[in-house]
Amino acid sequence: MDRRALLAALAAAPWIPLTARAHHGWSSFDQDRPLYLEGRALKVSWRNPHAELDLELPERPVLPADLAQRTLPAQTTAVDGASLLAKAQLPTRRDRRWEVELAPLTRLESWRVAEIKPGTALSVIGFAAPGEQGAAVLRAEYLFVDGKAYGLRSSPA
């Protein structure tokens, strides 16, 4: 690439939508340490590349005693949901507000997840950055809302 083309590309970079620059895959999350978060949605962004919400946790989060016994739906990608439920733990960091990354809208539609609105009570099991470093961000593997469980890694089986 010649110098002028490189400068033009760099000048255009600030105009790339932030969501496109911030999007990342599963590899940047610690998939060996599932976390459980429960609270109320504060702000919801129901758009691609994936839906996101800000989740406000209670002052003293607790891990439900029956979490390991929850029934999980079958999904097209093999996910050891029972193991994730058994290993799920509360985060070590004390942030009361977490950004939760859900799935792309097409996948949420295939699961028939109703659009989540601010104020909705929900819980998620998912993964944060290794050591919970950086921002309080969780990539959701399972979503629990209105008494239903949804597997977000893939479509329903």
N, C-alpha and C. Protein backbone atom coordinates (compact mmCIF):
# COMPACT_ATOMS: atom_id res chain seq x y z
N MET A 1 0.86 -1.17 0.00
CA MET A 1 0.00 0.00 0.00
C MET A 1 0.91 1.23 0.00
N ASP A 2 0.64 2.18 -0.88
CA ASP A 2 1.48 3.37 -0.92
C ASP A 2 1.13 4.28 0.26
N ARG A 3 1.97 5.26 0.50
CA ARG A 3 1.84 6.13 1.65
C ARG A 3 0.52 6.89 1.66
N ARG A 4 0.09 7.41 0.52
CA ARG A 4 -1.18 8.16 0.46
C ARG A 4 -2.37 7.27 0.79
N ALA A 5 -2.38 6.05 0.28
CA ALA A 5 -3.48 5.12 0.56
C ALA A 5 -3.52 4.77 2.04
N LEU A 6 -2.33 4.57 2.64
CA LEU A 6 -2.26 4.26 4.06
C LEU A 6 -2.79 5.43 4.90
N LEU A 7 -2.39 6.65 4.56
CA LEU A 7 -2.88 7.82 5.28
C LEU A 7 -4.39 7.99 5.14
N ALA A 8 -4.90 7.72 3.96
CA ALA A 8 -6.36 7.81 3.73
C ALA A 8 -7.09 6.77 4.57
N ALA A 9 -6.54 5.57 4.63
CA ALA A 9 -7.18 4.51 5.43
C ALA A 9 -7.16 4.86 6.91
N LEU A 10 -6.04 5.39 7.40
CA LEU A 10 -5.95 5.79 8.80
C LEU A 10 -6.89 6.95 9.12
N ALA A 11 -7.02 7.88 8.21
CA ALA A 11 -7.92 9.02 8.41
C ALA A 11 -9.37 8.56 8.49
N ALA A 12 -9.72 7.51 7.76
CA ALA A 12 -11.10 7.01 7.75
C ALA A 12 -11.41 6.17 8.98
N ALA A 13 -10.39 5.66 9.66
CA ALA A 13 -10.60 4.76 10.79
C ALA A 13 -11.52 5.31 11.87
N PRO A 14 -11.43 6.60 12.23
CA PRO A 14 -12.35 7.10 13.26
C PRO A 14 -13.81 7.02 12.85
N TRP A 15 -14.10 6.90 11.58
CA TRP A 15 -15.48 6.87 11.10
C TRP A 15 -16.04 5.45 11.10
N ILE A 16 -15.20 4.44 11.34
CA ILE A 16 -15.70 3.07 11.45
C ILE A 16 -16.51 3.00 12.74
N PRO A 17 -17.71 2.45 12.69
CA PRO A 17 -18.52 2.40 13.91
C PRO A 17 -17.77 1.71 15.04
N LEU A 18 -17.93 2.22 16.26
CA LEU A 18 -17.26 1.66 17.41
C LEU A 18 -17.58 0.19 17.59
N THR A 19 -18.82 -0.22 17.34
CA THR A 19 -19.18 -1.62 17.52
C THR A 19 -18.39 -2.52 16.59
N ALA A 20 -18.07 -2.06 15.40
CA ALA A 20 -17.30 -2.87 14.47
C ALA A 20 -15.86 -3.01 14.96
N ARG A 21 -15.30 -1.95 15.53
CA ARG A 21 -13.94 -2.03 16.02
C ARG A 21 -13.87 -2.81 17.32
N ALA A 22 -14.92 -2.80 18.13
CA ALA A 22 -14.88 -3.45 19.43
C ALA A 22 -15.27 -4.93 19.38
N HIS A 23 -15.83 -5.39 18.29
CA HIS A 23 -16.31 -6.76 18.22
C HIS A 23 -15.16 -7.75 18.28
N HIS A 24 -15.35 -8.81 19.04
CA HIS A 24 -14.31 -9.82 19.19
C HIS A 24 -14.96 -11.17 19.37
N GLY A 25 -14.19 -12.23 19.17
CA GLY A 25 -14.71 -13.59 19.27
C GLY A 25 -14.57 -14.17 20.67
N TRP A 26 -14.83 -15.46 20.76
CA TRP A 26 -14.80 -16.16 22.04
C TRP A 26 -13.39 -16.31 22.60
N SER A 27 -12.36 -16.25 21.76
CA SER A 27 -11.00 -16.54 22.21
C SER A 27 -10.47 -15.58 23.27
N SER A 28 -11.01 -14.39 23.38
CA SER A 28 -10.51 -13.44 24.37
C SER A 28 -11.18 -13.61 25.74
N PHE A 29 -12.02 -14.63 25.89
CA PHE A 29 -12.71 -14.87 27.15
C PHE A 29 -12.21 -16.16 27.79
N ASP A 30 -12.18 -16.22 29.11
CA ASP A 30 -11.72 -17.38 29.87
C ASP A 30 -12.85 -18.40 29.95
N GLN A 31 -12.85 -19.36 29.03
CA GLN A 31 -13.94 -20.33 28.96
C GLN A 31 -13.80 -21.46 29.97
N ASP A 32 -12.77 -21.42 30.80
CA ASP A 32 -12.60 -22.43 31.86
C ASP A 32 -13.19 -21.96 33.19
N ARG A 33 -13.66 -20.72 33.24
CA ARG A 33 -14.17 -20.16 34.48
C ARG A 33 -15.51 -19.46 34.24
N PRO A 34 -16.60 -20.23 34.20
CA PRO A 34 -17.91 -19.62 33.98
C PRO A 34 -18.34 -18.77 35.18
N LEU A 35 -18.90 -17.61 34.87
CA LEU A 35 -19.39 -16.70 35.90
C LEU A 35 -20.90 -16.61 35.84
N TYR A 36 -21.50 -16.40 36.98
CA TYR A 36 -22.95 -16.22 37.09
C TYR A 36 -23.23 -14.77 37.50
N LEU A 37 -24.06 -14.11 36.73
CA LEU A 37 -24.49 -12.75 37.04
C LEU A 37 -26.00 -12.71 37.03
N GLU A 38 -26.57 -11.95 37.97
CA GLU A 38 -28.02 -11.80 38.05
C GLU A 38 -28.31 -10.36 38.42
N GLY A 39 -29.32 -9.79 37.78
CA GLY A 39 -29.68 -8.42 38.10
C GLY A 39 -30.75 -7.89 37.18
N ARG A 40 -30.74 -6.58 36.97
CA ARG A 40 -31.71 -5.91 36.11
C ARG A 40 -31.00 -5.21 34.98
N ALA A 41 -31.59 -5.32 33.79
CA ALA A 41 -31.04 -4.63 32.62
C ALA A 41 -31.24 -3.13 32.80
N LEU A 42 -30.18 -2.40 32.61
CA LEU A 42 -30.27 -0.93 32.70
C LEU A 42 -30.41 -0.32 31.33
N LYS A 43 -29.48 -0.64 30.46
CA LYS A 43 -29.44 -0.11 29.11
C LYS A 43 -29.33 -1.30 28.17
N VAL A 44 -30.12 -1.31 27.12
CA VAL A 44 -30.12 -2.44 26.19
C VAL A 44 -29.87 -1.93 24.78
N SER A 45 -28.99 -2.62 24.07
CA SER A 45 -28.71 -2.32 22.67
C SER A 45 -29.06 -3.57 21.86
N TRP A 46 -30.22 -3.57 21.25
CA TRP A 46 -30.75 -4.74 20.54
C TRP A 46 -30.41 -4.61 19.06
N ARG A 47 -29.13 -4.86 18.72
CA ARG A 47 -28.66 -4.73 17.34
C ARG A 47 -27.45 -5.62 17.13
N ASN A 48 -27.07 -5.79 15.87
CA ASN A 48 -25.89 -6.58 15.53
C ASN A 48 -24.64 -5.71 15.63
N PRO A 49 -23.45 -6.25 15.86
CA PRO A 49 -23.11 -7.65 15.62
C PRO A 49 -23.65 -8.60 16.68
N HIS A 50 -24.03 -8.09 17.87
CA HIS A 50 -24.71 -8.89 18.87
C HIS A 50 -25.43 -7.94 19.81
N ALA A 51 -26.51 -8.41 20.39
CA ALA A 51 -27.23 -7.61 21.36
C ALA A 51 -26.36 -7.47 22.61
N GLU A 52 -26.48 -6.33 23.27
CA GLU A 52 -25.72 -6.07 24.49
C GLU A 52 -26.64 -5.42 25.50
N LEU A 53 -26.29 -5.58 26.76
CA LEU A 53 -27.02 -4.88 27.80
C LEU A 53 -26.10 -4.58 28.95
N ASP A 54 -26.43 -3.54 29.68
CA ASP A 54 -25.75 -3.24 30.94
C ASP A 54 -26.61 -3.86 32.03
N LEU A 55 -25.98 -4.69 32.84
CA LEU A 55 -26.68 -5.41 33.90
C LEU A 55 -26.24 -4.86 35.24
N GLU A 56 -27.21 -4.45 36.06
CA GLU A 56 -26.90 -3.97 37.40
C GLU A 56 -27.12 -5.11 38.38
N LEU A 57 -26.06 -5.50 39.06
CA LEU A 57 -26.10 -6.57 40.05
C LEU A 57 -26.56 -6.01 41.39
N PRO A 58 -27.11 -6.87 42.23
CA PRO A 58 -27.46 -6.40 43.58
C PRO A 58 -26.19 -6.11 44.38
N GLU A 59 -26.34 -5.43 45.48
CA GLU A 59 -25.19 -5.07 46.31
C GLU A 59 -24.43 -6.32 46.77
N ARG A 60 -25.17 -7.36 47.10
CA ARG A 60 -24.54 -8.61 47.56
C ARG A 60 -25.03 -9.76 46.68
N PRO A 61 -24.36 -10.00 45.56
CA PRO A 61 -24.80 -11.09 44.67
C PRO A 61 -24.67 -12.45 45.36
N VAL A 62 -25.55 -13.36 44.97
CA VAL A 62 -25.49 -14.73 45.50
C VAL A 62 -25.61 -15.71 44.35
N LEU A 63 -25.04 -16.87 44.56
CA LEU A 63 -25.14 -17.96 43.60
C LEU A 63 -26.35 -18.79 44.02
N PRO A 64 -27.35 -18.98 43.15
CA PRO A 64 -28.54 -19.76 43.53
C PRO A 64 -28.17 -21.19 43.92
N ALA A 65 -28.78 -21.68 44.98
CA ALA A 65 -28.49 -23.03 45.47
C ALA A 65 -28.86 -24.09 44.43
N ASP A 66 -29.86 -23.82 43.59
CA ASP A 66 -30.34 -24.80 42.62
C ASP A 66 -29.71 -24.61 41.22
N LEU A 67 -28.69 -23.79 41.11
CA LEU A 67 -28.13 -23.48 39.79
C LEU A 67 -27.69 -24.74 39.04
N ALA A 68 -27.01 -25.65 39.70
CA ALA A 68 -26.51 -26.86 39.03
C ALA A 68 -27.63 -27.77 38.55
N GLN A 69 -28.85 -27.59 39.07
CA GLN A 69 -29.97 -28.44 38.69
C GLN A 69 -30.85 -27.82 37.60
N ARG A 70 -30.53 -26.65 37.14
CA ARG A 70 -31.36 -26.01 36.11
C ARG A 70 -31.33 -26.82 34.83
N THR A 71 -32.47 -26.83 34.15
CA THR A 71 -32.59 -27.51 32.86
C THR A 71 -32.15 -26.55 31.77
N LEU A 72 -31.27 -27.03 30.91
CA LEU A 72 -30.76 -26.21 29.81
C LEU A 72 -31.26 -26.75 28.48
N PRO A 73 -31.50 -25.89 27.53
CA PRO A 73 -31.98 -26.33 26.22
C PRO A 73 -30.85 -26.94 25.39
N ALA A 74 -31.24 -27.81 24.48
CA ALA A 74 -30.27 -28.37 23.54
C ALA A 74 -29.99 -27.34 22.46
N GLN A 75 -28.73 -27.25 22.05
CA GLN A 75 -28.37 -26.34 20.97
C GLN A 75 -27.52 -27.09 19.95
N THR A 76 -27.38 -26.50 18.77
CA THR A 76 -26.71 -27.20 17.68
C THR A 76 -25.22 -27.37 17.90
N THR A 77 -24.58 -26.49 18.67
CA THR A 77 -23.17 -26.65 19.02
C THR A 77 -23.10 -27.38 20.34
N ALA A 78 -22.24 -28.36 20.42
CA ALA A 78 -22.09 -29.11 21.67
C ALA A 78 -21.47 -28.22 22.74
N VAL A 79 -22.22 -27.98 23.79
CA VAL A 79 -21.76 -27.21 24.94
C VAL A 79 -22.09 -28.04 26.16
N ASP A 80 -21.11 -28.26 27.04
CA ASP A 80 -21.35 -29.04 28.25
C ASP A 80 -21.99 -28.15 29.30
N GLY A 81 -23.28 -27.90 29.11
CA GLY A 81 -24.02 -27.00 29.98
C GLY A 81 -24.04 -27.45 31.42
N ALA A 82 -24.20 -28.76 31.66
CA ALA A 82 -24.24 -29.25 33.04
C ALA A 82 -22.94 -28.93 33.76
N SER A 83 -21.82 -29.08 33.07
CA SER A 83 -20.52 -28.76 33.66
C SER A 83 -20.40 -27.26 33.94
N LEU A 84 -20.88 -26.44 33.01
CA LEU A 84 -20.82 -24.99 33.23
C LEU A 84 -21.66 -24.58 34.44
N LEU A 85 -22.85 -25.17 34.57
CA LEU A 85 -23.69 -24.86 35.73
C LEU A 85 -22.99 -25.26 37.02
N ALA A 86 -22.36 -26.44 37.03
CA ALA A 86 -21.69 -26.94 38.23
C ALA A 86 -20.47 -26.10 38.59
N LYS A 87 -19.78 -25.56 37.60
CA LYS A 87 -18.55 -24.79 37.84
C LYS A 87 -18.80 -23.29 37.99
N ALA A 88 -20.01 -22.83 37.71
CA ALA A 88 -20.28 -21.39 37.72
C ALA A 88 -20.01 -20.79 39.10
N GLN A 89 -19.46 -19.59 39.08
CA GLN A 89 -19.13 -18.89 40.31
C GLN A 89 -19.42 -17.40 40.14
N LEU A 90 -19.45 -16.72 41.23
CA LEU A 90 -19.63 -15.27 41.19
C LEU A 90 -18.30 -14.63 40.80
N PRO A 91 -18.36 -13.46 40.18
CA PRO A 91 -17.10 -12.78 39.84
C PRO A 91 -16.37 -12.36 41.12
N THR A 92 -15.06 -12.25 41.01
CA THR A 92 -14.27 -11.78 42.15
C THR A 92 -14.27 -10.26 42.21
N ARG A 93 -14.40 -9.61 41.07
CA ARG A 93 -14.42 -8.15 41.08
C ARG A 93 -15.76 -7.67 41.63
N ARG A 94 -15.78 -6.49 42.18
CA ARG A 94 -16.96 -5.97 42.88
C ARG A 94 -17.82 -5.02 42.06
N ASP A 95 -17.58 -4.94 40.78
CA ASP A 95 -18.39 -4.05 39.93
C ASP A 95 -19.87 -4.43 40.06
N ARG A 96 -20.70 -3.44 40.21
CA ARG A 96 -22.15 -3.70 40.25
C ARG A 96 -22.77 -3.58 38.88
N ARG A 97 -22.02 -3.05 37.92
CA ARG A 97 -22.54 -2.89 36.56
C ARG A 97 -21.62 -3.63 35.60
N TRP A 98 -22.22 -4.54 34.83
CA TRP A 98 -21.48 -5.34 33.85
C TRP A 98 -22.09 -5.14 32.48
N GLU A 99 -21.24 -5.11 31.47
CA GLU A 99 -21.72 -5.14 30.10
C GLU A 99 -21.82 -6.61 29.71
N VAL A 100 -22.99 -7.02 29.25
CA VAL A 100 -23.21 -8.41 28.87
C VAL A 100 -23.41 -8.47 27.36
N GLU A 101 -22.58 -9.27 26.71
CA GLU A 101 -22.69 -9.48 25.27
C GLU A 101 -23.54 -10.73 25.05
N LEU A 102 -24.63 -10.58 24.34
CA LEU A 102 -25.51 -11.70 24.06
C LEU A 102 -25.12 -12.31 22.71
N ALA A 103 -26.07 -12.71 21.91
CA ALA A 103 -25.82 -13.34 20.62
C ALA A 103 -26.26 -12.40 19.50
N PRO A 104 -25.91 -12.73 18.26
CA PRO A 104 -26.45 -11.95 17.13
C PRO A 104 -27.99 -12.03 17.13
N LEU A 105 -28.62 -11.01 16.58
CA LEU A 105 -30.08 -10.96 16.57
C LEU A 105 -30.72 -12.16 15.87
N THR A 106 -30.10 -12.65 14.80
CA THR A 106 -30.68 -13.80 14.10
C THR A 106 -30.73 -15.02 15.03
N ARG A 107 -29.72 -15.18 15.86
CA ARG A 107 -29.72 -16.31 16.80
C ARG A 107 -30.74 -16.08 17.90
N LEU A 108 -30.83 -14.87 18.42
CA LEU A 108 -31.84 -14.59 19.44
C LEU A 108 -33.24 -14.81 18.89
N GLU A 109 -33.45 -14.45 17.62
CA GLU A 109 -34.75 -14.70 16.98
C GLU A 109 -35.02 -16.19 16.85
N SER A 110 -34.00 -16.99 16.51
CA SER A 110 -34.22 -18.43 16.37
C SER A 110 -34.57 -19.06 17.72
N TRP A 111 -34.07 -18.50 18.80
CA TRP A 111 -34.43 -18.97 20.14
C TRP A 111 -35.75 -18.36 20.61
N ARG A 112 -36.26 -17.41 19.85
CA ARG A 112 -37.50 -16.69 20.19
C ARG A 112 -37.37 -15.90 21.50
N VAL A 113 -36.21 -15.27 21.65
CA VAL A 113 -35.99 -14.40 22.80
C VAL A 113 -36.67 -13.07 22.50
N ALA A 114 -37.60 -12.68 23.36
CA ALA A 114 -38.25 -11.38 23.21
C ALA A 114 -37.23 -10.29 23.50
N GLU A 115 -37.36 -9.18 22.80
CA GLU A 115 -36.43 -8.07 23.03
C GLU A 115 -36.45 -7.68 24.50
N ILE A 116 -35.28 -7.67 25.08
CA ILE A 116 -35.14 -7.32 26.49
C ILE A 116 -35.23 -5.81 26.63
N LYS A 117 -35.99 -5.38 27.59
CA LYS A 117 -36.19 -3.95 27.84
C LYS A 117 -35.49 -3.55 29.14
N PRO A 118 -35.10 -2.28 29.27
CA PRO A 118 -34.55 -1.83 30.54
C PRO A 118 -35.51 -2.14 31.69
N GLY A 119 -34.95 -2.59 32.81
CA GLY A 119 -35.74 -2.97 33.97
C GLY A 119 -36.01 -4.46 34.06
N THR A 120 -35.77 -5.20 32.97
CA THR A 120 -36.01 -6.64 32.97
C THR A 120 -35.04 -7.35 33.90
N ALA A 121 -35.59 -8.23 34.76
CA ALA A 121 -34.76 -9.06 35.63
C ALA A 121 -34.29 -10.27 34.82
N LEU A 122 -33.01 -10.59 34.93
CA LEU A 122 -32.46 -11.73 34.19
C LEU A 122 -31.18 -12.20 34.84
N SER A 123 -30.72 -13.36 34.42
CA SER A 123 -29.42 -13.85 34.85
C SER A 123 -28.72 -14.48 33.65
N VAL A 124 -27.42 -14.58 33.75
CA VAL A 124 -26.60 -15.13 32.68
C VAL A 124 -25.46 -15.94 33.27
N ILE A 125 -25.03 -16.91 32.50
CA ILE A 125 -23.77 -17.60 32.76
C ILE A 125 -22.91 -17.34 31.55
N GLY A 126 -21.69 -16.95 31.79
CA GLY A 126 -20.82 -16.65 30.67
C GLY A 126 -19.38 -16.51 31.12
N PHE A 127 -18.62 -15.80 30.31
CA PHE A 127 -17.18 -15.74 30.50
C PHE A 127 -16.68 -14.30 30.43
N ALA A 128 -15.72 -13.99 31.29
CA ALA A 128 -15.06 -12.68 31.30
C ALA A 128 -13.65 -12.87 30.77
N ALA A 129 -12.92 -11.79 30.70
CA ALA A 129 -11.51 -11.87 30.30
C ALA A 129 -10.74 -12.67 31.35
N PRO A 130 -9.65 -13.30 30.96
CA PRO A 130 -8.85 -14.05 31.94
C PRO A 130 -8.50 -13.17 33.14
N GLY A 131 -8.72 -13.71 34.34
CA GLY A 131 -8.45 -12.96 35.55
C GLY A 131 -9.40 -11.80 35.78
N GLU A 132 -10.47 -11.74 34.98
CA GLU A 132 -11.44 -10.64 35.04
C GLU A 132 -10.76 -9.29 34.87
N GLN A 133 -9.69 -9.27 34.07
CA GLN A 133 -8.95 -8.05 33.80
C GLN A 133 -9.72 -7.15 32.83
N GLY A 134 -9.39 -5.87 32.85
CA GLY A 134 -10.02 -4.93 31.93
C GLY A 134 -11.42 -4.55 32.38
N ALA A 135 -12.25 -4.24 31.42
CA ALA A 135 -13.62 -3.81 31.71
C ALA A 135 -14.46 -4.98 32.22
N ALA A 136 -15.53 -4.66 32.93
CA ALA A 136 -16.47 -5.66 33.44
C ALA A 136 -17.39 -6.08 32.29
N VAL A 137 -16.90 -7.02 31.47
CA VAL A 137 -17.63 -7.49 30.30
C VAL A 137 -17.79 -9.00 30.41
N LEU A 138 -18.99 -9.47 30.13
CA LEU A 138 -19.27 -10.91 30.17
C LEU A 138 -19.86 -11.32 28.83
N ARG A 139 -19.32 -12.36 28.24
CA ARG A 139 -19.86 -12.96 27.01
C ARG A 139 -20.80 -14.06 27.47
N ALA A 140 -22.09 -13.89 27.22
CA ALA A 140 -23.11 -14.82 27.74
C ALA A 140 -23.14 -16.13 26.97
N GLU A 141 -23.13 -17.22 27.69
CA GLU A 141 -23.30 -18.56 27.13
C GLU A 141 -24.76 -18.98 27.28
N TYR A 142 -25.32 -18.73 28.46
CA TYR A 142 -26.73 -19.03 28.73
C TYR A 142 -27.41 -17.79 29.28
N LEU A 143 -28.62 -17.57 28.83
CA LEU A 143 -29.44 -16.46 29.28
C LEU A 143 -30.69 -17.03 29.94
N PHE A 144 -31.02 -16.51 31.11
CA PHE A 144 -32.22 -16.93 31.84
C PHE A 144 -33.10 -15.69 32.02
N VAL A 145 -34.27 -15.72 31.40
CA VAL A 145 -35.18 -14.57 31.49
C VAL A 145 -36.62 -15.07 31.42
N ASP A 146 -37.46 -14.50 32.25
CA ASP A 146 -38.89 -14.87 32.30
C ASP A 146 -39.10 -16.37 32.45
N GLY A 147 -38.29 -17.02 33.28
CA GLY A 147 -38.45 -18.44 33.55
C GLY A 147 -37.98 -19.36 32.43
N LYS A 148 -37.32 -18.82 31.41
CA LYS A 148 -36.83 -19.62 30.29
C LYS A 148 -35.31 -19.53 30.21
N ALA A 149 -34.73 -20.62 29.69
CA ALA A 149 -33.28 -20.67 29.50
C ALA A 149 -32.98 -20.72 28.01
N TYR A 150 -31.97 -19.98 27.59
CA TYR A 150 -31.58 -19.94 26.18
C TYR A 150 -30.08 -20.19 26.06
N GLY A 151 -29.69 -21.07 25.14
CA GLY A 151 -28.28 -21.32 24.87
C GLY A 151 -27.84 -20.40 23.74
N LEU A 152 -26.87 -19.55 23.99
CA LEU A 152 -26.56 -18.51 23.01
C LEU A 152 -25.38 -18.83 22.11
N ARG A 153 -24.71 -19.95 22.30
CA ARG A 153 -23.57 -20.26 21.44
C ARG A 153 -24.01 -20.60 20.03
N SER A 154 -25.19 -21.22 19.91
CA SER A 154 -25.68 -21.60 18.59
C SER A 154 -27.20 -21.63 18.59
N SER A 155 -27.76 -22.08 17.52
CA SER A 155 -29.23 -22.15 17.40
C SER A 155 -29.80 -23.34 18.13
N PRO A 156 -31.10 -23.35 18.37
CA PRO A 156 -31.73 -24.50 19.03
C PRO A 156 -31.56 -25.77 18.20
N ALA A 157 -31.40 -26.88 18.90
CA ALA A 157 -31.25 -28.18 18.20
C ALA A 157 -32.60 -28.67 17.74
